[in-house]
Amino acid sequence: MILTVAVAILLASLLGPQVALVILVTFGLMAMALFAPHRHLWRAILEWGLPWLMGHLTFGPLNWPSVVLALAYTGAYYAGLILLGGQWRAATRWLNGSQIAAVALLVFVKEPILAGIVGLLLLPQLLLQPFLWRGEAEWWYWQRSQLWLMAGILIAALAIGGAP
């Protein structure tokens, strides 16, 4: 663990002060997450939201569309975690809502074609959701819907790459 922290600090110093700041915030949040309730939410923030922001900072300055997409797709990752915990109703609300928010953001930043593609990638996920009603289909659903979710994330990230 000490080696991992040392390598993270070394890489952060090479990538710039903003990335170093995000890594220091990550260390602080990791310490807080040990004692906080809502472990799935903390896990989603630490495993998805902060790495998204670090990745964006590595390639350019942070902008508000990237922060909003980080929040939206952190919500989608959180949905996956609670889905695998057996809470499929709450999970589908989070999963669908976060992706609809991403589509709305892409429309707002004037990327309607890519917003349409991301919206179409939500359709297979919606069509698979009735299988969750049968019970004990969470893993089955998550395995089959991840491809569509990840494709949507990639397209959304590419769409906001040059946004102001």
N, C-alpha and C. Protein backbone atom coordinates (compact mmCIF):
# COMPACT_ATOMS: atom_id res chain seq x y z
N MET A 1 0.82 -1.19 0.00
CA MET A 1 0.00 0.00 0.00
C MET A 1 0.87 1.25 0.00
N ILE A 2 1.96 1.22 0.72
CA ILE A 2 2.86 2.37 0.75
C ILE A 2 3.45 2.61 -0.63
N LEU A 3 3.80 1.53 -1.33
CA LEU A 3 4.34 1.66 -2.68
C LEU A 3 3.29 2.27 -3.62
N THR A 4 2.05 1.86 -3.49
CA THR A 4 0.97 2.39 -4.32
C THR A 4 0.80 3.89 -4.09
N VAL A 5 0.82 4.31 -2.83
CA VAL A 5 0.69 5.73 -2.52
C VAL A 5 1.87 6.51 -3.10
N ALA A 6 3.07 5.96 -2.97
CA ALA A 6 4.26 6.63 -3.50
C ALA A 6 4.18 6.78 -5.02
N VAL A 7 3.77 5.73 -5.70
CA VAL A 7 3.65 5.79 -7.16
C VAL A 7 2.56 6.77 -7.56
N ALA A 8 1.44 6.79 -6.84
CA ALA A 8 0.35 7.73 -7.15
C ALA A 8 0.82 9.17 -7.00
N ILE A 9 1.55 9.45 -5.95
CA ILE A 9 2.06 10.82 -5.75
C ILE A 9 3.08 11.18 -6.82
N LEU A 10 3.93 10.25 -7.18
CA LEU A 10 4.91 10.50 -8.24
C LEU A 10 4.22 10.79 -9.56
N LEU A 11 3.26 9.97 -9.94
CA LEU A 11 2.53 10.19 -11.19
C LEU A 11 1.77 11.51 -11.15
N ALA A 12 1.18 11.82 -10.02
CA ALA A 12 0.43 13.07 -9.89
C ALA A 12 1.35 14.27 -10.07
N SER A 13 2.55 14.18 -9.54
CA SER A 13 3.47 15.30 -9.69
C SER A 13 3.90 15.47 -11.15
N LEU A 14 3.92 14.37 -11.89
CA LEU A 14 4.27 14.47 -13.31
C LEU A 14 3.10 14.99 -14.16
N LEU A 15 1.88 14.72 -13.75
CA LEU A 15 0.71 15.09 -14.54
C LEU A 15 0.19 16.49 -14.24
N GLY A 16 0.67 17.11 -13.19
CA GLY A 16 0.26 18.48 -12.93
C GLY A 16 -0.36 18.66 -11.57
N PRO A 17 -0.46 19.91 -11.15
CA PRO A 17 -0.97 20.20 -9.80
C PRO A 17 -2.45 19.86 -9.62
N GLN A 18 -3.25 20.00 -10.67
CA GLN A 18 -4.67 19.69 -10.52
C GLN A 18 -4.89 18.20 -10.28
N VAL A 19 -4.15 17.36 -11.00
CA VAL A 19 -4.26 15.91 -10.79
C VAL A 19 -3.76 15.55 -9.40
N ALA A 20 -2.68 16.20 -8.96
CA ALA A 20 -2.17 15.95 -7.61
C ALA A 20 -3.22 16.31 -6.56
N LEU A 21 -3.93 17.40 -6.79
CA LEU A 21 -4.98 17.80 -5.86
C LEU A 21 -6.10 16.77 -5.83
N VAL A 22 -6.50 16.27 -6.98
CA VAL A 22 -7.55 15.25 -7.03
C VAL A 22 -7.10 13.98 -6.31
N ILE A 23 -5.84 13.62 -6.45
CA ILE A 23 -5.33 12.42 -5.77
C ILE A 23 -5.32 12.63 -4.26
N LEU A 24 -4.94 13.81 -3.81
CA LEU A 24 -4.98 14.09 -2.37
C LEU A 24 -6.41 14.07 -1.84
N VAL A 25 -7.35 14.61 -2.61
CA VAL A 25 -8.77 14.55 -2.23
C VAL A 25 -9.21 13.09 -2.17
N THR A 26 -8.76 12.30 -3.13
CA THR A 26 -9.11 10.88 -3.15
C THR A 26 -8.62 10.18 -1.88
N PHE A 27 -7.40 10.45 -1.48
CA PHE A 27 -6.88 9.84 -0.24
C PHE A 27 -7.73 10.25 0.95
N GLY A 28 -8.11 11.52 1.02
CA GLY A 28 -8.97 11.97 2.11
C GLY A 28 -10.33 11.30 2.09
N LEU A 29 -10.92 11.18 0.92
CA LEU A 29 -12.22 10.53 0.80
C LEU A 29 -12.15 9.04 1.12
N MET A 30 -11.04 8.42 0.78
CA MET A 30 -10.86 7.00 1.12
C MET A 30 -10.86 6.81 2.63
N ALA A 31 -10.19 7.71 3.32
CA ALA A 31 -10.16 7.62 4.78
C ALA A 31 -11.56 7.85 5.37
N MET A 32 -12.29 8.80 4.81
CA MET A 32 -13.65 9.07 5.30
C MET A 32 -14.58 7.90 4.99
N ALA A 33 -14.40 7.28 3.84
CA ALA A 33 -15.30 6.20 3.41
C ALA A 33 -15.21 4.99 4.32
N LEU A 34 -14.09 4.83 5.01
CA LEU A 34 -13.95 3.69 5.92
C LEU A 34 -14.97 3.74 7.06
N PHE A 35 -15.37 4.94 7.44
CA PHE A 35 -16.25 5.10 8.59
C PHE A 35 -17.64 5.61 8.23
N ALA A 36 -17.90 5.83 6.97
CA ALA A 36 -19.17 6.43 6.55
C ALA A 36 -20.19 5.38 6.15
N PRO A 37 -21.46 5.70 6.32
CA PRO A 37 -22.50 4.81 5.78
C PRO A 37 -22.56 4.96 4.25
N HIS A 38 -23.43 4.23 3.64
CA HIS A 38 -23.63 4.27 2.18
C HIS A 38 -22.35 3.88 1.44
N ARG A 39 -21.83 2.72 1.74
CA ARG A 39 -20.57 2.28 1.14
C ARG A 39 -20.62 2.23 -0.38
N HIS A 40 -21.78 1.88 -0.95
CA HIS A 40 -21.87 1.80 -2.41
C HIS A 40 -21.68 3.17 -3.04
N LEU A 41 -22.22 4.21 -2.43
CA LEU A 41 -22.07 5.55 -2.97
C LEU A 41 -20.61 6.00 -2.90
N TRP A 42 -19.96 5.76 -1.78
CA TRP A 42 -18.54 6.11 -1.64
C TRP A 42 -17.70 5.33 -2.65
N ARG A 43 -18.04 4.06 -2.80
CA ARG A 43 -17.29 3.23 -3.75
C ARG A 43 -17.46 3.77 -5.17
N ALA A 44 -18.67 4.18 -5.53
CA ALA A 44 -18.90 4.73 -6.87
C ALA A 44 -18.10 6.02 -7.08
N ILE A 45 -18.08 6.87 -6.08
CA ILE A 45 -17.32 8.12 -6.19
C ILE A 45 -15.84 7.84 -6.36
N LEU A 46 -15.31 6.92 -5.54
CA LEU A 46 -13.88 6.64 -5.56
C LEU A 46 -13.45 5.83 -6.77
N GLU A 47 -14.31 4.94 -7.25
CA GLU A 47 -13.92 4.07 -8.36
C GLU A 47 -14.32 4.62 -9.72
N TRP A 48 -15.23 5.58 -9.75
CA TRP A 48 -15.67 6.08 -11.05
C TRP A 48 -15.55 7.59 -11.18
N GLY A 49 -16.13 8.34 -10.26
CA GLY A 49 -16.18 9.80 -10.40
C GLY A 49 -14.81 10.46 -10.38
N LEU A 50 -14.02 10.17 -9.38
CA LEU A 50 -12.70 10.80 -9.29
C LEU A 50 -11.75 10.33 -10.39
N PRO A 51 -11.72 9.04 -10.76
CA PRO A 51 -10.88 8.67 -11.90
C PRO A 51 -11.31 9.36 -13.20
N TRP A 52 -12.62 9.58 -13.39
CA TRP A 52 -13.08 10.31 -14.57
C TRP A 52 -12.47 11.71 -14.58
N LEU A 53 -12.56 12.39 -13.44
CA LEU A 53 -12.02 13.75 -13.36
C LEU A 53 -10.51 13.77 -13.56
N MET A 54 -9.81 12.79 -12.99
CA MET A 54 -8.36 12.72 -13.19
C MET A 54 -8.02 12.49 -14.65
N GLY A 55 -8.78 11.63 -15.30
CA GLY A 55 -8.54 11.38 -16.72
C GLY A 55 -8.76 12.62 -17.55
N HIS A 56 -9.81 13.35 -17.24
CA HIS A 56 -10.07 14.58 -17.99
C HIS A 56 -8.97 15.61 -17.74
N LEU A 57 -8.55 15.73 -16.51
CA LEU A 57 -7.48 16.69 -16.18
C LEU A 57 -6.16 16.31 -16.84
N THR A 58 -5.95 15.03 -17.07
CA THR A 58 -4.72 14.59 -17.70
C THR A 58 -4.64 15.08 -19.14
N PHE A 59 -5.78 15.16 -19.82
CA PHE A 59 -5.79 15.53 -21.23
C PHE A 59 -6.14 16.98 -21.49
N GLY A 60 -6.60 17.69 -20.48
CA GLY A 60 -6.95 19.09 -20.70
C GLY A 60 -7.57 19.69 -19.46
N PRO A 61 -7.91 20.96 -19.55
CA PRO A 61 -8.52 21.62 -18.38
C PRO A 61 -9.93 21.09 -18.13
N LEU A 62 -10.31 21.11 -16.88
CA LEU A 62 -11.62 20.63 -16.48
C LEU A 62 -12.69 21.62 -16.94
N ASN A 63 -13.82 21.09 -17.42
CA ASN A 63 -14.92 21.95 -17.82
C ASN A 63 -16.20 21.42 -17.18
N TRP A 64 -17.22 22.26 -17.14
CA TRP A 64 -18.45 21.87 -16.45
C TRP A 64 -19.16 20.68 -17.08
N PRO A 65 -19.16 20.50 -18.42
CA PRO A 65 -19.82 19.30 -18.95
C PRO A 65 -19.15 18.01 -18.48
N SER A 66 -17.84 18.04 -18.32
CA SER A 66 -17.16 16.85 -17.85
C SER A 66 -17.53 16.53 -16.41
N VAL A 67 -17.67 17.56 -15.58
CA VAL A 67 -18.07 17.34 -14.19
C VAL A 67 -19.49 16.77 -14.13
N VAL A 68 -20.39 17.30 -14.96
CA VAL A 68 -21.77 16.80 -14.97
C VAL A 68 -21.80 15.35 -15.45
N LEU A 69 -21.03 15.03 -16.49
CA LEU A 69 -20.98 13.64 -16.95
C LEU A 69 -20.35 12.73 -15.91
N ALA A 70 -19.36 13.24 -15.19
CA ALA A 70 -18.77 12.43 -14.12
C ALA A 70 -19.83 12.10 -13.08
N LEU A 71 -20.65 13.08 -12.72
CA LEU A 71 -21.73 12.84 -11.76
C LEU A 71 -22.77 11.87 -12.32
N ALA A 72 -23.14 12.05 -13.57
CA ALA A 72 -24.16 11.18 -14.18
C ALA A 72 -23.68 9.74 -14.23
N TYR A 73 -22.48 9.54 -14.70
CA TYR A 73 -22.01 8.16 -14.85
C TYR A 73 -21.53 7.56 -13.54
N THR A 74 -21.22 8.39 -12.56
CA THR A 74 -21.01 7.87 -11.21
C THR A 74 -22.33 7.32 -10.68
N GLY A 75 -23.42 8.01 -11.01
CA GLY A 75 -24.75 7.52 -10.66
C GLY A 75 -25.05 6.19 -11.33
N ALA A 76 -24.64 6.03 -12.57
CA ALA A 76 -24.86 4.76 -13.27
C ALA A 76 -24.05 3.63 -12.63
N TYR A 77 -22.82 3.93 -12.23
CA TYR A 77 -22.00 2.92 -11.56
C TYR A 77 -22.59 2.56 -10.20
N TYR A 78 -23.06 3.56 -9.49
CA TYR A 78 -23.74 3.33 -8.22
C TYR A 78 -24.96 2.44 -8.43
N ALA A 79 -25.68 2.68 -9.52
CA ALA A 79 -26.85 1.84 -9.84
C ALA A 79 -26.43 0.39 -10.01
N GLY A 80 -25.32 0.16 -10.67
CA GLY A 80 -24.84 -1.21 -10.83
C GLY A 80 -24.50 -1.86 -9.50
N LEU A 81 -23.91 -1.09 -8.61
CA LEU A 81 -23.56 -1.65 -7.30
C LEU A 81 -24.79 -2.00 -6.49
N ILE A 82 -25.81 -1.14 -6.50
CA ILE A 82 -26.99 -1.46 -5.71
C ILE A 82 -27.84 -2.52 -6.42
N LEU A 83 -27.74 -2.59 -7.75
CA LEU A 83 -28.43 -3.66 -8.47
C LEU A 83 -27.91 -5.01 -8.04
N LEU A 84 -26.60 -5.14 -7.97
CA LEU A 84 -26.00 -6.41 -7.56
C LEU A 84 -26.26 -6.71 -6.09
N GLY A 85 -26.67 -5.70 -5.35
CA GLY A 85 -27.08 -5.89 -3.97
C GLY A 85 -28.54 -6.30 -3.84
N GLY A 86 -29.24 -6.43 -4.97
CA GLY A 86 -30.61 -6.91 -4.96
C GLY A 86 -31.69 -5.84 -4.99
N GLN A 87 -31.30 -4.58 -5.07
CA GLN A 87 -32.28 -3.49 -5.06
C GLN A 87 -32.56 -3.03 -6.50
N TRP A 88 -33.22 -3.87 -7.27
CA TRP A 88 -33.36 -3.60 -8.70
C TRP A 88 -34.25 -2.41 -9.02
N ARG A 89 -35.25 -2.13 -8.20
CA ARG A 89 -36.11 -0.98 -8.50
C ARG A 89 -35.35 0.34 -8.37
N ALA A 90 -34.66 0.51 -7.26
CA ALA A 90 -33.86 1.74 -7.08
C ALA A 90 -32.75 1.80 -8.12
N ALA A 91 -32.16 0.66 -8.42
CA ALA A 91 -31.06 0.62 -9.38
C ALA A 91 -31.51 1.04 -10.77
N THR A 92 -32.66 0.57 -11.20
CA THR A 92 -33.11 0.96 -12.54
C THR A 92 -33.46 2.45 -12.61
N ARG A 93 -33.98 3.00 -11.51
CA ARG A 93 -34.24 4.44 -11.50
C ARG A 93 -32.93 5.22 -11.63
N TRP A 94 -31.92 4.83 -10.86
CA TRP A 94 -30.62 5.50 -10.93
C TRP A 94 -29.98 5.32 -12.31
N LEU A 95 -30.02 4.10 -12.82
CA LEU A 95 -29.37 3.80 -14.10
C LEU A 95 -30.03 4.57 -15.24
N ASN A 96 -31.34 4.52 -15.31
CA ASN A 96 -32.04 5.22 -16.38
C ASN A 96 -31.93 6.73 -16.23
N GLY A 97 -32.11 7.22 -15.01
CA GLY A 97 -32.04 8.67 -14.77
C GLY A 97 -30.68 9.26 -15.08
N SER A 98 -29.63 8.55 -14.70
CA SER A 98 -28.29 9.09 -14.94
C SER A 98 -27.97 9.14 -16.43
N GLN A 99 -28.42 8.15 -17.17
CA GLN A 99 -28.15 8.15 -18.61
C GLN A 99 -29.03 9.17 -19.35
N ILE A 100 -30.24 9.36 -18.88
CA ILE A 100 -31.09 10.40 -19.47
C ILE A 100 -30.49 11.77 -19.19
N ALA A 101 -29.92 11.96 -18.01
CA ALA A 101 -29.24 13.23 -17.69
C ALA A 101 -28.04 13.45 -18.63
N ALA A 102 -27.32 12.39 -18.94
CA ALA A 102 -26.18 12.51 -19.86
C ALA A 102 -26.66 12.90 -21.26
N VAL A 103 -27.75 12.29 -21.70
CA VAL A 103 -28.31 12.64 -23.01
C VAL A 103 -28.75 14.10 -23.02
N ALA A 104 -29.41 14.53 -21.96
CA ALA A 104 -29.85 15.93 -21.87
C ALA A 104 -28.66 16.89 -21.90
N LEU A 105 -27.60 16.53 -21.22
CA LEU A 105 -26.40 17.37 -21.24
C LEU A 105 -25.84 17.48 -22.64
N LEU A 106 -25.79 16.37 -23.37
CA LEU A 106 -25.25 16.40 -24.73
C LEU A 106 -26.13 17.26 -25.65
N VAL A 107 -27.42 17.23 -25.44
CA VAL A 107 -28.30 18.12 -26.21
C VAL A 107 -28.00 19.57 -25.84
N PHE A 108 -27.81 19.83 -24.55
CA PHE A 108 -27.56 21.19 -24.07
C PHE A 108 -26.25 21.76 -24.62
N VAL A 109 -25.22 20.91 -24.76
CA VAL A 109 -23.93 21.40 -25.29
C VAL A 109 -23.89 21.31 -26.82
N LYS A 110 -25.05 21.16 -27.42
CA LYS A 110 -25.21 21.19 -28.88
C LYS A 110 -24.50 20.03 -29.58
N GLU A 111 -24.72 18.83 -29.05
CA GLU A 111 -24.24 17.60 -29.68
C GLU A 111 -25.43 16.67 -29.90
N PRO A 112 -26.43 17.10 -30.70
CA PRO A 112 -27.67 16.32 -30.79
C PRO A 112 -27.50 14.95 -31.43
N ILE A 113 -26.61 14.83 -32.39
CA ILE A 113 -26.42 13.52 -33.04
C ILE A 113 -25.83 12.52 -32.06
N LEU A 114 -24.80 12.95 -31.34
CA LEU A 114 -24.19 12.06 -30.35
C LEU A 114 -25.14 11.81 -29.19
N ALA A 115 -25.96 12.79 -28.84
CA ALA A 115 -26.98 12.58 -27.81
C ALA A 115 -27.96 11.52 -28.26
N GLY A 116 -28.34 11.56 -29.52
CA GLY A 116 -29.24 10.54 -30.06
C GLY A 116 -28.62 9.16 -30.02
N ILE A 117 -27.34 9.07 -30.32
CA ILE A 117 -26.67 7.76 -30.28
C ILE A 117 -26.61 7.24 -28.85
N VAL A 118 -26.26 8.11 -27.90
CA VAL A 118 -26.23 7.69 -26.50
C VAL A 118 -27.62 7.28 -26.04
N GLY A 119 -28.64 8.01 -26.49
CA GLY A 119 -30.01 7.64 -26.16
C GLY A 119 -30.40 6.29 -26.75
N LEU A 120 -29.97 6.03 -27.97
CA LEU A 120 -30.25 4.73 -28.59
C LEU A 120 -29.53 3.59 -27.87
N LEU A 121 -28.36 3.88 -27.30
CA LEU A 121 -27.64 2.86 -26.54
C LEU A 121 -28.33 2.56 -25.21
N LEU A 122 -29.21 3.44 -24.77
CA LEU A 122 -30.01 3.18 -23.57
C LEU A 122 -31.15 2.21 -23.88
N LEU A 123 -31.60 2.20 -25.11
CA LEU A 123 -32.76 1.37 -25.49
C LEU A 123 -32.57 -0.13 -25.19
N PRO A 124 -31.44 -0.77 -25.56
CA PRO A 124 -31.30 -2.20 -25.21
C PRO A 124 -31.35 -2.45 -23.70
N GLN A 125 -30.82 -1.51 -22.93
CA GLN A 125 -30.87 -1.65 -21.48
C GLN A 125 -32.30 -1.62 -20.98
N LEU A 126 -33.10 -0.72 -21.54
CA LEU A 126 -34.50 -0.62 -21.15
C LEU A 126 -35.27 -1.88 -21.55
N LEU A 127 -34.93 -2.43 -22.71
CA LEU A 127 -35.62 -3.63 -23.17
C LEU A 127 -35.28 -4.86 -22.33
N LEU A 128 -34.11 -4.86 -21.70
CA LEU A 128 -33.72 -5.99 -20.85
C LEU A 128 -34.26 -5.86 -19.42
N GLN A 129 -34.71 -4.68 -19.02
CA GLN A 129 -35.13 -4.48 -17.63
C GLN A 129 -36.33 -5.30 -17.20
N PRO A 130 -37.29 -5.64 -18.06
CA PRO A 130 -38.39 -6.50 -17.59
C PRO A 130 -37.94 -7.86 -17.07
N PHE A 131 -36.77 -8.32 -17.48
CA PHE A 131 -36.26 -9.59 -16.96
C PHE A 131 -35.90 -9.51 -15.48
N LEU A 132 -35.70 -8.29 -15.00
CA LEU A 132 -35.41 -8.12 -13.57
C LEU A 132 -36.64 -8.43 -12.72
N TRP A 133 -37.82 -8.31 -13.29
CA TRP A 133 -39.05 -8.56 -12.54
C TRP A 133 -39.18 -10.02 -12.16
N ARG A 134 -38.50 -10.89 -12.90
CA ARG A 134 -38.58 -12.33 -12.60
C ARG A 134 -37.89 -12.67 -11.29
N GLY A 135 -36.96 -11.84 -10.88
CA GLY A 135 -36.21 -12.09 -9.66
C GLY A 135 -34.91 -12.83 -9.93
N GLU A 136 -33.91 -12.50 -9.16
CA GLU A 136 -32.59 -13.10 -9.24
C GLU A 136 -31.99 -13.05 -10.63
N ALA A 137 -32.24 -11.97 -11.34
CA ALA A 137 -31.66 -11.80 -12.68
C ALA A 137 -30.69 -10.62 -12.70
N GLU A 138 -30.26 -10.15 -11.53
CA GLU A 138 -29.42 -8.97 -11.46
C GLU A 138 -28.09 -9.15 -12.19
N TRP A 139 -27.40 -10.26 -11.90
CA TRP A 139 -26.11 -10.51 -12.57
C TRP A 139 -26.31 -10.67 -14.06
N TRP A 140 -27.36 -11.40 -14.42
CA TRP A 140 -27.65 -11.63 -15.84
C TRP A 140 -27.86 -10.29 -16.55
N TYR A 141 -28.66 -9.41 -15.94
CA TYR A 141 -28.93 -8.11 -16.54
C TYR A 141 -27.66 -7.27 -16.63
N TRP A 142 -26.90 -7.22 -15.54
CA TRP A 142 -25.72 -6.36 -15.51
C TRP A 142 -24.69 -6.80 -16.54
N GLN A 143 -24.53 -8.10 -16.73
CA GLN A 143 -23.58 -8.59 -17.74
C GLN A 143 -24.00 -8.19 -19.14
N ARG A 144 -25.28 -8.20 -19.43
CA ARG A 144 -25.75 -7.91 -20.77
C ARG A 144 -25.93 -6.42 -21.04
N SER A 145 -26.05 -5.62 -20.01
CA SER A 145 -26.28 -4.19 -20.23
C SER A 145 -25.00 -3.36 -20.15
N GLN A 146 -23.94 -3.92 -19.58
CA GLN A 146 -22.70 -3.16 -19.42
C GLN A 146 -22.11 -2.70 -20.75
N LEU A 147 -22.17 -3.53 -21.76
CA LEU A 147 -21.63 -3.16 -23.07
C LEU A 147 -22.28 -1.89 -23.59
N TRP A 148 -23.61 -1.81 -23.48
CA TRP A 148 -24.34 -0.65 -23.97
C TRP A 148 -24.03 0.59 -23.13
N LEU A 149 -23.91 0.40 -21.83
CA LEU A 149 -23.57 1.51 -20.94
C LEU A 149 -22.18 2.04 -21.24
N MET A 150 -21.21 1.16 -21.38
CA MET A 150 -19.84 1.59 -21.64
C MET A 150 -19.70 2.27 -23.00
N ALA A 151 -20.43 1.79 -24.00
CA ALA A 151 -20.40 2.45 -25.31
C ALA A 151 -20.97 3.86 -25.20
N GLY A 152 -22.05 4.02 -24.44
CA GLY A 152 -22.62 5.34 -24.24
C GLY A 152 -21.67 6.27 -23.50
N ILE A 153 -20.97 5.74 -22.52
CA ILE A 153 -20.00 6.54 -21.77
C ILE A 153 -18.88 7.02 -22.69
N LEU A 154 -18.39 6.14 -23.52
CA LEU A 154 -17.31 6.51 -24.45
C LEU A 154 -17.76 7.60 -25.41
N ILE A 155 -18.93 7.45 -25.98
CA ILE A 155 -19.43 8.45 -26.93
C ILE A 155 -19.68 9.78 -26.22
N ALA A 156 -20.23 9.75 -25.03
CA ALA A 156 -20.47 10.98 -24.27
C ALA A 156 -19.15 11.67 -23.95
N ALA A 157 -18.15 10.90 -23.56
CA ALA A 157 -16.86 11.49 -23.23
C ALA A 157 -16.22 12.13 -24.47
N LEU A 158 -16.33 11.47 -25.60
CA LEU A 158 -15.80 12.04 -26.82
C LEU A 158 -16.56 13.31 -27.22
N ALA A 159 -17.84 13.33 -26.96
CA ALA A 159 -18.66 14.50 -27.34
C ALA A 159 -18.30 15.73 -26.54
N ILE A 160 -17.97 15.57 -25.27
CA ILE A 160 -17.69 16.76 -24.45
C ILE A 160 -16.20 17.07 -24.39
N GLY A 161 -15.40 16.30 -25.08
CA GLY A 161 -13.95 16.52 -25.05
C GLY A 161 -13.54 17.93 -25.40
N GLY A 162 -14.23 18.55 -26.33
CA GLY A 162 -13.87 19.90 -26.73
C GLY A 162 -14.88 20.95 -26.30
N ALA A 163 -15.79 20.57 -25.41
CA ALA A 163 -16.83 21.51 -24.98
C ALA A 163 -16.23 22.62 -24.12
N PRO A 164 -16.81 23.81 -24.16
CA PRO A 164 -16.27 24.93 -23.35
C PRO A 164 -16.49 24.72 -21.87
